[in-house]
Amino acid sequence: MTAHSELRLLPWSSPDGKPCYLSTDDDNSHLSRMADSTEAIQIGLATDLVTHAKEALNDEQTALEDLRNLSMDLVGALQNTLRVATSRGQRLPTPQSSDQGGDIPRLPTAAFD
């Protein structure tokens, strides 16, 4: 069985909301490329959403309901972006310690939903 640290956290969840992982040595496999593409789409959507949020917040005429919906969309985009950051961080080589002599903190792996 592959060690947990060797698994890639995928940018989507199972139907019951649990994280999905990929075990492969091939970064160019079909599923790896699909995950890379999905991550790029999620980050692009988050970028567009931030631009939209700035415009909405600068517009004093933006309705409260629109701001609530925007907030929910921003939370979803942030969750996706954190999942991408965690997945990419887990695939980096693990440094033994920082230059200051302490351990380098790792990103948390929970709270994506």
C-alpha atoms as a PDB file:
ATOM      1  CA  MET A   1       0.000   0.000   0.000  1.00  0.00           C
ATOM      2  CA  THR A   2       1.203   3.520  -0.794  1.00  0.00           C
ATOM      3  CA  ALA A   3       2.076   5.732   2.163  1.00  0.00           C
ATOM      4  CA  HIS A   4      -0.351   8.595   2.810  1.00  0.00           C
ATOM      5  CA  SER A   5       2.405  11.131   2.101  1.00  0.00           C
ATOM      6  CA  GLU A   6       2.810   9.648  -1.402  1.00  0.00           C
ATOM      7  CA  LEU A   7      -0.850  10.141  -2.289  1.00  0.00           C
ATOM      8  CA  ARG A   8      -1.997  13.172  -4.259  1.00  0.00           C
ATOM      9  CA  LEU A   9      -4.970  15.034  -2.831  1.00  0.00           C
ATOM     10  CA  LEU A  10      -7.305  15.539  -5.786  1.00  0.00           C
ATOM     11  CA  PRO A  11      -9.181  18.809  -6.382  1.00  0.00           C
ATOM     12  CA  TRP A  12     -12.598  17.194  -5.879  1.00  0.00           C
ATOM     13  CA  SER A  13     -14.409  15.249  -3.180  1.00  0.00           C
ATOM     14  CA  SER A  14     -16.268  11.961  -3.179  1.00  0.00           C
ATOM     15  CA  PRO A  15     -20.092  12.080  -3.407  1.00  0.00           C
ATOM     16  CA  ASP A  16     -20.233  11.925   0.406  1.00  0.00           C
ATOM     17  CA  GLY A  17     -17.790  14.854   0.741  1.00  0.00           C
ATOM     18  CA  LYS A  18     -14.650  12.922   1.651  1.00  0.00           C
ATOM     19  CA  PRO A  19     -11.271  13.810   0.115  1.00  0.00           C
ATOM     20  CA  CYS A  20     -10.141  11.825  -2.925  1.00  0.00           C
ATOM     21  CA  TYR A  21      -6.536  10.745  -3.420  1.00  0.00           C
ATOM     22  CA  LEU A  22      -4.514   9.464  -6.350  1.00  0.00           C
ATOM     23  CA  SER A  23      -1.691   6.966  -6.077  1.00  0.00           C
ATOM     24  CA  THR A  24       0.548   7.059  -9.151  1.00  0.00           C
ATOM     25  CA  ASP A  25       4.177   7.466 -10.112  1.00  0.00           C
ATOM     26  CA  ASP A  26       3.153   9.011 -13.432  1.00  0.00           C
ATOM     27  CA  ASP A  27       2.582  12.786 -13.233  1.00  0.00           C
ATOM     28  CA  ASN A  28       1.470  12.604 -16.869  1.00  0.00           C
ATOM     29  CA  SER A  29      -1.252   9.982 -16.369  1.00  0.00           C
ATOM     30  CA  HIS A  30      -4.769  10.770 -17.567  1.00  0.00           C
ATOM     31  CA  LEU A  31      -6.064  11.319 -14.024  1.00  0.00           C
ATOM     32  CA  SER A  32      -3.041  13.444 -13.061  1.00  0.00           C
ATOM     33  CA  ARG A  33      -3.583  15.665 -16.111  1.00  0.00           C
ATOM     34  CA  MET A  34      -7.305  15.903 -15.313  1.00  0.00           C
ATOM     35  CA  ALA A  35      -6.472  16.960 -11.753  1.00  0.00           C
ATOM     36  CA  ASP A  36      -3.962  19.547 -13.032  1.00  0.00           C
ATOM     37  CA  SER A  37      -6.586  20.921 -15.421  1.00  0.00           C
ATOM     38  CA  THR A  38      -9.243  21.047 -12.696  1.00  0.00           C
ATOM     39  CA  GLU A  39      -6.856  22.868 -10.357  1.00  0.00           C
ATOM     40  CA  ALA A  40      -6.082  25.426 -13.059  1.00  0.00           C
ATOM     41  CA  ILE A  41      -9.808  25.973 -13.692  1.00  0.00           C
ATOM     42  CA  GLN A  42     -10.515  26.357  -9.969  1.00  0.00           C
ATOM     43  CA  ILE A  43      -7.734  28.909  -9.538  1.00  0.00           C
ATOM     44  CA  GLY A  44      -8.896  30.792 -12.641  1.00  0.00           C
ATOM     45  CA  LEU A  45     -12.473  30.898 -11.339  1.00  0.00           C
ATOM     46  CA  ALA A  46     -11.243  32.130  -7.948  1.00  0.00           C
ATOM     47  CA  THR A  47      -9.264  34.896  -9.676  1.00  0.00           C
ATOM     48  CA  ASP A  48     -12.333  35.976 -11.649  1.00  0.00           C
ATOM     49  CA  LEU A  49     -14.472  35.839  -8.511  1.00  0.00           C
ATOM     50  CA  VAL A  50     -12.069  38.092  -6.589  1.00  0.00           C
ATOM     51  CA  THR A  51     -12.263  40.645  -9.410  1.00  0.00           C
ATOM     52  CA  HIS A  52     -16.071  40.460  -9.338  1.00  0.00           C
ATOM     53  CA  ALA A  53     -16.098  40.779  -5.523  1.00  0.00           C
ATOM     54  CA  LYS A  54     -13.964  43.930  -5.630  1.00  0.00           C
ATOM     55  CA  GLU A  55     -16.364  45.485  -8.131  1.00  0.00           C
ATOM     56  CA  ALA A  56     -19.439  44.493  -6.107  1.00  0.00           C
ATOM     57  CA  LEU A  57     -17.986  45.801  -2.859  1.00  0.00           C
ATOM     58  CA  ASN A  58     -17.094  49.126  -4.476  1.00  0.00           C
ATOM     59  CA  ASP A  59     -20.644  49.492  -5.803  1.00  0.00           C
ATOM     60  CA  GLU A  60     -22.862  50.961  -3.080  1.00  0.00           C
ATOM     61  CA  GLN A  61     -25.924  49.763  -5.017  1.00  0.00           C
ATOM     62  CA  THR A  62     -25.046  46.071  -4.661  1.00  0.00           C
ATOM     63  CA  ALA A  63     -27.953  44.321  -2.955  1.00  0.00           C
ATOM     64  CA  LEU A  64     -27.436  42.541   0.355  1.00  0.00           C
ATOM     65  CA  GLU A  65     -28.633  39.235  -1.158  1.00  0.00           C
ATOM     66  CA  ASP A  66     -26.045  39.582  -3.928  1.00  0.00           C
ATOM     67  CA  LEU A  67     -23.332  40.165  -1.321  1.00  0.00           C
ATOM     68  CA  ARG A  68     -24.454  37.063   0.602  1.00  0.00           C
ATOM     69  CA  ASN A  69     -24.335  34.952  -2.565  1.00  0.00           C
ATOM     70  CA  LEU A  70     -20.950  36.426  -3.423  1.00  0.00           C
ATOM     71  CA  SER A  71     -19.695  35.548   0.056  1.00  0.00           C
ATOM     72  CA  MET A  72     -20.785  31.927  -0.368  1.00  0.00           C
ATOM     73  CA  ASP A  73     -19.074  31.774  -3.761  1.00  0.00           C
ATOM     74  CA  LEU A  74     -15.901  33.259  -2.251  1.00  0.00           C
ATOM     75  CA  VAL A  75     -15.921  30.662   0.541  1.00  0.00           C
ATOM     76  CA  GLY A  76     -16.224  27.873  -2.029  1.00  0.00           C
ATOM     77  CA  ALA A  77     -13.405  29.338  -4.118  1.00  0.00           C
ATOM     78  CA  LEU A  78     -11.199  29.691  -1.037  1.00  0.00           C
ATOM     79  CA  GLN A  79     -11.870  26.069  -0.047  1.00  0.00           C
ATOM     80  CA  ASN A  80     -10.889  24.914  -3.552  1.00  0.00           C
ATOM     81  CA  THR A  81      -7.766  27.083  -3.530  1.00  0.00           C
ATOM     82  CA  LEU A  82      -6.725  25.770  -0.111  1.00  0.00           C
ATOM     83  CA  ARG A  83      -7.189  22.201  -1.365  1.00  0.00           C
ATOM     84  CA  VAL A  84      -4.970  22.963  -4.388  1.00  0.00           C
ATOM     85  CA  ALA A  85      -2.328  24.584  -2.154  1.00  0.00           C
ATOM     86  CA  THR A  86      -2.396  21.634   0.243  1.00  0.00           C
ATOM     87  CA  SER A  87      -2.157  19.122  -2.588  1.00  0.00           C
ATOM     88  CA  ARG A  88       0.775  20.924  -4.160  1.00  0.00           C
ATOM     89  CA  GLY A  89       2.452  21.439  -0.796  1.00  0.00           C
ATOM     90  CA  GLN A  90       2.202  17.741   0.012  1.00  0.00           C
ATOM     91  CA  ARG A  91       3.960  16.907  -3.243  1.00  0.00           C
ATOM     92  CA  LEU A  92       6.957  19.138  -2.484  1.00  0.00           C
ATOM     93  CA  PRO A  93      10.076  17.491  -1.080  1.00  0.00           C
ATOM     94  CA  THR A  94       9.916  17.598   2.712  1.00  0.00           C
ATOM     95  CA  PRO A  95      12.716  19.769   4.105  1.00  0.00           C
ATOM     96  CA  GLN A  96      14.242  18.521   7.339  1.00  0.00           C
ATOM     97  CA  SER A  97      14.417  21.921   9.046  1.00  0.00           C
ATOM     98  CA  SER A  98      14.478  25.640   8.374  1.00  0.00           C
ATOM     99  CA  ASP A  99      17.565  27.837   8.487  1.00  0.00           C
ATOM    100  CA  GLN A 100      16.504  28.970  11.975  1.00  0.00           C
ATOM    101  CA  GLY A 101      16.834  25.403  13.249  1.00  0.00           C
ATOM    102  CA  GLY A 102      13.137  24.619  13.666  1.00  0.00           C
ATOM    103  CA  ASP A 103      10.758  22.435  11.754  1.00  0.00           C
ATOM    104  CA  ILE A 104       9.020  23.978   8.759  1.00  0.00           C
ATOM    105  CA  PRO A 105       5.245  24.015   9.306  1.00  0.00           C
ATOM    106  CA  ARG A 106       3.068  22.063   6.871  1.00  0.00           C
ATOM    107  CA  LEU A 107      -0.333  23.174   5.593  1.00  0.00           C
ATOM    108  CA  PRO A 108      -3.340  21.651   7.386  1.00  0.00           C
ATOM    109  CA  THR A 109      -5.206  18.964   5.463  1.00  0.00           C
ATOM    110  CA  ALA A 110      -8.686  19.395   6.928  1.00  0.00           C
ATOM    111  CA  ALA A 111     -11.590  21.833   6.558  1.00  0.00           C
ATOM    112  CA  PHE A 112     -12.152  21.825   2.797  1.00  0.00           C
ATOM    113  CA  ASP A 113     -15.906  21.353   2.987  1.00  0.00           C
END
